[in-house]
Protein backbone atom coordinates (compact mmCIF):
# COMPACT_ATOMS: atom_id res chain seq x y z
CA MET A 1 30.15 -11.09 13.47
CA ALA A 2 30.08 -11.22 9.81
CA THR A 3 33.16 -12.33 7.91
CA LYS A 4 34.61 -10.52 5.01
CA GLU A 5 33.10 -13.23 2.71
CA LEU A 6 29.63 -12.72 4.14
CA ARG A 7 29.92 -8.92 3.84
CA GLU A 8 31.02 -9.22 0.23
CA LEU A 9 28.30 -11.66 -0.69
CA ARG A 10 25.63 -9.55 1.07
CA HIS A 11 26.60 -6.55 -0.94
CA LYS A 12 26.59 -8.55 -4.17
CA TYR A 13 23.31 -9.97 -3.31
CA LYS A 14 21.73 -6.62 -2.58
CA ALA A 15 23.06 -5.25 -5.89
CA ALA A 16 21.65 -8.29 -7.83
CA TYR A 17 18.34 -7.82 -5.97
CA THR A 18 18.14 -4.17 -6.82
CA SER A 19 18.86 -4.95 -10.55
CA TYR A 20 16.31 -7.68 -10.55
CA MET A 21 13.63 -5.30 -9.00
CA LEU A 22 14.41 -2.67 -11.69
CA CYS A 23 13.51 -5.29 -14.26
CA VAL A 24 10.38 -6.40 -12.36
CA GLN A 25 9.23 -2.67 -12.38
CA ALA A 26 9.94 -2.39 -16.10
CA LEU A 27 7.87 -5.44 -16.74
CA SER A 28 5.17 -4.34 -14.40
CA ASP A 29 5.04 -0.85 -16.23
CA ALA A 30 4.82 -2.57 -19.51
CA SER A 31 1.95 -4.77 -18.48
CA GLN A 32 -0.03 -1.83 -16.98
CA THR A 33 0.23 0.06 -20.29
CA GLY A 34 -0.15 -3.03 -22.47
CA VAL A 35 3.27 -2.53 -24.10
CA VAL A 36 5.25 -5.63 -25.09
CA PRO A 37 8.57 -5.48 -23.21
CA SER A 38 11.62 -5.03 -25.63
CA ALA A 39 13.87 -7.89 -26.13
CA GLU A 40 16.58 -6.15 -24.24
CA VAL A 41 14.34 -5.81 -21.09
CA LEU A 42 13.54 -9.37 -21.30
CA LYS A 43 17.25 -10.32 -21.66
CA LEU A 44 18.16 -8.06 -18.73
CA GLU A 45 15.46 -9.57 -16.59
CA ASP A 46 16.67 -13.04 -17.39
CA LYS A 47 20.29 -12.19 -16.63
CA ALA A 48 19.37 -10.39 -13.48
CA PHE A 49 17.16 -13.25 -12.20
CA ASN A 50 19.91 -15.77 -12.85
CA GLU A 51 22.51 -13.69 -11.19
CA LEU A 52 20.17 -13.15 -8.21
CA THR A 53 19.53 -16.93 -7.86
CA VAL A 54 23.17 -17.76 -7.96
CA LEU A 55 24.13 -15.12 -5.44
CA ARG A 56 21.22 -16.09 -3.18
CA GLN A 57 22.43 -19.68 -3.05
CA ALA A 58 26.04 -18.59 -2.44
CA LEU A 59 24.89 -16.33 0.39
CA LEU A 60 22.69 -19.07 1.98
CA ASP A 61 25.61 -21.64 1.63
CA ALA A 62 27.94 -19.09 3.32
CA LEU A 63 25.56 -18.35 6.06
CA LYS A 64 25.15 -22.15 6.82
CA THR A 65 28.81 -22.64 6.87
CA HIS A 66 29.29 -19.52 9.04
CA GLY A 67 26.62 -20.99 11.39
CA VAL A 68 28.22 -24.38 11.65
CA LYS A 69 31.58 -22.87 12.40
CA ALA A 70 30.01 -20.71 15.11
CA ASP A 71 28.26 -23.69 16.66
CA LYS A 72 31.53 -25.66 16.75
CA THR A 73 33.50 -22.76 18.41
CA GLY A 74 30.98 -22.20 20.87
């Protein structure tokens, strides 16, 4: 059973992933049309990627901790 912490991290991770994928799509669209992405798009992509990376690690760490606790309880 997922803990409150795991549920919250999962929701934050999914939101960060969605934001990142929107940036990926914008960069892909720009590359298909030969347009240089705006500085704002590049800044948003960098921020989204960093947020996704941090939340991914937090979620993985929480899952490992949850798994260890589950193993100990049986």
